[in-house]
């Protein structure tokens, strides 16, 4: 899945597969997670949020099924 860079202290990049409603997030820790059954509106909300991290914790974290895809070296 193609991800785009985001301006966030906790995330490096995010991507969205509209066909399968999958949100993919690369965190600065180096972990990449996929969140399932995420509506497109939530992805758009994440991209447009004044604070991406706050939006993530309020609307995505623990709200959707998730799996870790990979663990990469941490990125600063």
N, C-alpha and C. Protein backbone atom coordinates (compact mmCIF):
# COMPACT_ATOMS: atom_id res chain seq x y z
N UNK A 1 0.85 -1.17 0.00
CA UNK A 1 0.00 0.00 0.00
C UNK A 1 0.90 1.23 0.00
N UNK A 2 0.56 2.18 -0.83
CA UNK A 2 1.32 3.42 -0.90
C UNK A 2 0.90 4.33 0.25
N UNK A 3 1.89 4.80 1.00
CA UNK A 3 1.63 5.73 2.10
C UNK A 3 2.18 7.10 1.75
N UNK A 4 1.59 8.12 2.37
CA UNK A 4 2.07 9.49 2.18
C UNK A 4 2.62 10.01 3.50
N UNK A 5 3.67 10.82 3.44
CA UNK A 5 4.23 11.38 4.67
C UNK A 5 3.22 12.30 5.36
N UNK A 6 3.28 12.34 6.69
CA UNK A 6 2.44 13.25 7.46
C UNK A 6 3.30 14.04 8.42
N UNK A 7 2.82 15.21 8.80
CA UNK A 7 3.51 16.08 9.74
C UNK A 7 3.00 15.74 11.14
N UNK A 8 3.69 14.83 11.80
CA UNK A 8 3.25 14.34 13.10
C UNK A 8 4.46 13.91 13.92
N UNK A 9 4.39 14.13 15.22
CA UNK A 9 5.49 13.69 16.08
C UNK A 9 5.43 12.20 16.36
N UNK A 10 4.29 11.55 16.07
CA UNK A 10 4.19 10.11 16.36
C UNK A 10 4.12 9.23 15.13
N UNK A 11 3.80 9.81 13.97
CA UNK A 11 3.67 9.03 12.73
C UNK A 11 4.59 9.56 11.65
N UNK A 12 5.02 8.63 10.79
CA UNK A 12 5.85 8.98 9.63
C UNK A 12 4.98 9.10 8.39
N UNK A 13 4.09 8.11 8.20
CA UNK A 13 3.28 8.09 6.98
C UNK A 13 1.98 7.33 7.21
N UNK A 14 1.01 7.62 6.35
CA UNK A 14 -0.29 6.93 6.40
C UNK A 14 -0.73 6.61 4.97
N UNK A 15 -1.48 5.53 4.84
CA UNK A 15 -2.04 5.14 3.55
C UNK A 15 -3.43 4.58 3.75
N UNK A 16 -4.20 4.55 2.67
CA UNK A 16 -5.56 4.04 2.76
C UNK A 16 -5.92 3.26 1.51
N UNK A 17 -6.46 2.07 1.72
CA UNK A 17 -6.97 1.22 0.64
C UNK A 17 -8.49 1.33 0.67
N UNK A 18 -9.06 2.14 -0.22
CA UNK A 18 -10.50 2.39 -0.22
C UNK A 18 -11.30 1.15 -0.58
N UNK A 19 -10.77 0.29 -1.40
CA UNK A 19 -11.47 -0.93 -1.80
C UNK A 19 -11.74 -1.85 -0.62
N UNK A 20 -10.76 -1.93 0.29
CA UNK A 20 -10.87 -2.83 1.44
C UNK A 20 -11.04 -2.11 2.78
N UNK A 21 -11.11 -0.78 2.75
CA UNK A 21 -11.26 0.04 3.96
C UNK A 21 -10.17 -0.24 4.99
N UNK A 22 -8.92 -0.26 4.49
CA UNK A 22 -7.77 -0.52 5.36
C UNK A 22 -6.93 0.75 5.48
N UNK A 23 -6.67 1.14 6.71
CA UNK A 23 -5.79 2.26 7.01
C UNK A 23 -4.46 1.69 7.46
N UNK A 24 -3.37 2.16 6.87
CA UNK A 24 -2.04 1.70 7.25
C UNK A 24 -1.25 2.88 7.79
N UNK A 25 -0.63 2.69 8.95
CA UNK A 25 0.10 3.76 9.60
C UNK A 25 1.51 3.29 9.95
N UNK A 26 2.51 4.08 9.57
CA UNK A 26 3.89 3.85 9.99
C UNK A 26 4.18 4.84 11.12
N UNK A 27 4.50 4.30 12.28
CA UNK A 27 4.81 5.12 13.45
C UNK A 27 6.31 5.39 13.52
N UNK A 28 6.69 6.44 14.20
CA UNK A 28 8.10 6.79 14.34
C UNK A 28 8.88 5.71 15.09
N UNK A 29 8.19 4.88 15.84
CA UNK A 29 8.82 3.76 16.54
C UNK A 29 9.36 2.72 15.57
N UNK A 30 8.91 2.80 14.30
CA UNK A 30 9.31 1.82 13.29
C UNK A 30 8.25 0.77 13.04
N UNK A 31 7.20 0.74 13.85
CA UNK A 31 6.12 -0.23 13.65
C UNK A 31 5.14 0.26 12.58
N UNK A 32 4.67 -0.68 11.77
CA UNK A 32 3.64 -0.40 10.78
C UNK A 32 2.42 -1.24 11.13
N UNK A 33 1.28 -0.57 11.25
CA UNK A 33 0.03 -1.25 11.62
C UNK A 33 -1.01 -1.04 10.54
N UNK A 34 -1.88 -2.03 10.38
CA UNK A 34 -3.05 -1.93 9.50
C UNK A 34 -4.30 -1.99 10.36
N UNK A 35 -5.19 -1.04 10.12
CA UNK A 35 -6.48 -0.96 10.81
C UNK A 35 -7.56 -1.30 9.79
N UNK A 36 -8.47 -2.20 10.16
CA UNK A 36 -9.46 -2.73 9.23
C UNK A 36 -10.84 -2.12 9.46
N UNK A 37 -11.63 -2.06 8.39
CA UNK A 37 -13.01 -1.55 8.41
C UNK A 37 -13.06 -0.07 8.80
N UNK A 38 -12.04 0.68 8.38
CA UNK A 38 -11.97 2.11 8.67
C UNK A 38 -12.67 2.88 7.55
N UNK A 39 -13.70 3.66 7.86
CA UNK A 39 -14.36 4.44 6.82
C UNK A 39 -13.42 5.49 6.21
N UNK A 40 -13.64 5.78 4.96
CA UNK A 40 -12.84 6.80 4.27
C UNK A 40 -12.90 8.13 5.00
N UNK A 41 -14.05 8.45 5.58
CA UNK A 41 -14.20 9.72 6.31
C UNK A 41 -13.25 9.81 7.50
N UNK A 42 -12.95 8.68 8.13
CA UNK A 42 -12.01 8.67 9.25
C UNK A 42 -10.59 8.92 8.73
N UNK A 43 -10.24 8.32 7.60
CA UNK A 43 -8.93 8.58 6.99
C UNK A 43 -8.80 10.05 6.63
N UNK A 44 -9.82 10.62 6.02
CA UNK A 44 -9.79 12.04 5.66
C UNK A 44 -9.69 12.91 6.91
N UNK A 45 -10.41 12.53 7.95
CA UNK A 45 -10.34 13.26 9.21
C UNK A 45 -8.94 13.25 9.78
N UNK A 46 -8.27 12.10 9.69
CA UNK A 46 -6.89 11.99 10.16
C UNK A 46 -5.98 12.95 9.40
N UNK A 47 -6.11 12.96 8.08
CA UNK A 47 -5.26 13.83 7.25
C UNK A 47 -5.52 15.31 7.52
N UNK A 48 -6.76 15.66 7.84
CA UNK A 48 -7.13 17.07 8.02
C UNK A 48 -7.07 17.55 9.46
N UNK A 49 -6.73 16.66 10.38
CA UNK A 49 -6.73 17.02 11.79
C UNK A 49 -5.63 18.02 12.14
N UNK A 50 -5.95 18.94 13.04
CA UNK A 50 -4.96 19.88 13.53
C UNK A 50 -3.85 19.13 14.27
N UNK A 51 -4.23 18.07 14.98
CA UNK A 51 -3.27 17.19 15.66
C UNK A 51 -3.57 15.76 15.23
N UNK A 52 -2.71 15.21 14.40
CA UNK A 52 -2.91 13.85 13.90
C UNK A 52 -2.88 12.85 15.06
N UNK A 53 -1.97 13.03 15.99
CA UNK A 53 -1.87 12.13 17.13
C UNK A 53 -3.12 12.14 17.99
N UNK A 54 -3.65 13.33 18.26
CA UNK A 54 -4.87 13.44 19.05
C UNK A 54 -6.05 12.79 18.34
N UNK A 55 -6.15 13.02 17.02
CA UNK A 55 -7.22 12.41 16.24
C UNK A 55 -7.10 10.89 16.28
N UNK A 56 -5.88 10.39 16.13
CA UNK A 56 -5.65 8.95 16.17
C UNK A 56 -6.16 8.36 17.48
N UNK A 57 -5.76 8.96 18.60
CA UNK A 57 -6.16 8.42 19.90
C UNK A 57 -7.67 8.53 20.14
N UNK A 58 -8.29 9.57 19.62
CA UNK A 58 -9.73 9.77 19.84
C UNK A 58 -10.61 8.94 18.91
N UNK A 59 -10.15 8.66 17.69
CA UNK A 59 -11.04 8.06 16.68
C UNK A 59 -10.58 6.74 16.07
N UNK A 60 -9.32 6.36 16.26
CA UNK A 60 -8.81 5.16 15.59
C UNK A 60 -8.28 4.13 16.59
N UNK A 61 -7.41 4.55 17.48
CA UNK A 61 -6.80 3.64 18.45
C UNK A 61 -7.87 2.91 19.25
N UNK A 62 -7.82 1.61 19.23
CA UNK A 62 -8.76 0.73 19.95
C UNK A 62 -10.19 0.76 19.40
N UNK A 63 -10.39 1.41 18.25
CA UNK A 63 -11.74 1.47 17.67
C UNK A 63 -11.92 0.47 16.51
N UNK A 64 -10.81 -0.02 15.94
CA UNK A 64 -10.87 -0.90 14.77
C UNK A 64 -9.96 -2.10 14.98
N UNK A 65 -10.30 -3.22 14.33
CA UNK A 65 -9.39 -4.37 14.37
C UNK A 65 -8.04 -3.96 13.78
N UNK A 66 -6.96 -4.46 14.36
CA UNK A 66 -5.63 -4.02 13.95
C UNK A 66 -4.66 -5.19 13.92
N UNK A 67 -3.65 -5.08 13.05
CA UNK A 67 -2.55 -6.04 13.06
C UNK A 67 -1.26 -5.30 12.77
N UNK A 68 -0.16 -5.76 13.39
CA UNK A 68 1.14 -5.19 13.08
C UNK A 68 1.63 -5.86 11.79
N UNK A 69 2.04 -5.04 10.84
CA UNK A 69 2.51 -5.54 9.55
C UNK A 69 4.01 -5.79 9.60
N UNK A 70 4.76 -4.85 10.19
CA UNK A 70 6.20 -5.01 10.27
C UNK A 70 6.75 -4.09 11.33
N UNK A 71 7.97 -4.39 11.70
CA UNK A 71 8.69 -3.55 12.64
C UNK A 71 10.00 -3.15 11.97
N UNK A 72 10.18 -1.86 11.77
CA UNK A 72 11.36 -1.32 11.11
C UNK A 72 12.19 -0.58 12.15
N UNK A 73 13.45 -0.23 11.84
CA UNK A 73 14.20 0.61 12.77
C UNK A 73 13.46 1.93 12.99
N UNK A 74 13.49 2.44 14.21
CA UNK A 74 12.80 3.69 14.53
C UNK A 74 13.30 4.82 13.64
N UNK A 75 12.36 5.71 13.29
CA UNK A 75 12.69 6.88 12.46
C UNK A 75 12.45 8.13 13.26
N UNK A 76 13.38 9.05 13.19
CA UNK A 76 13.27 10.31 13.96
C UNK A 76 12.63 11.32 13.16
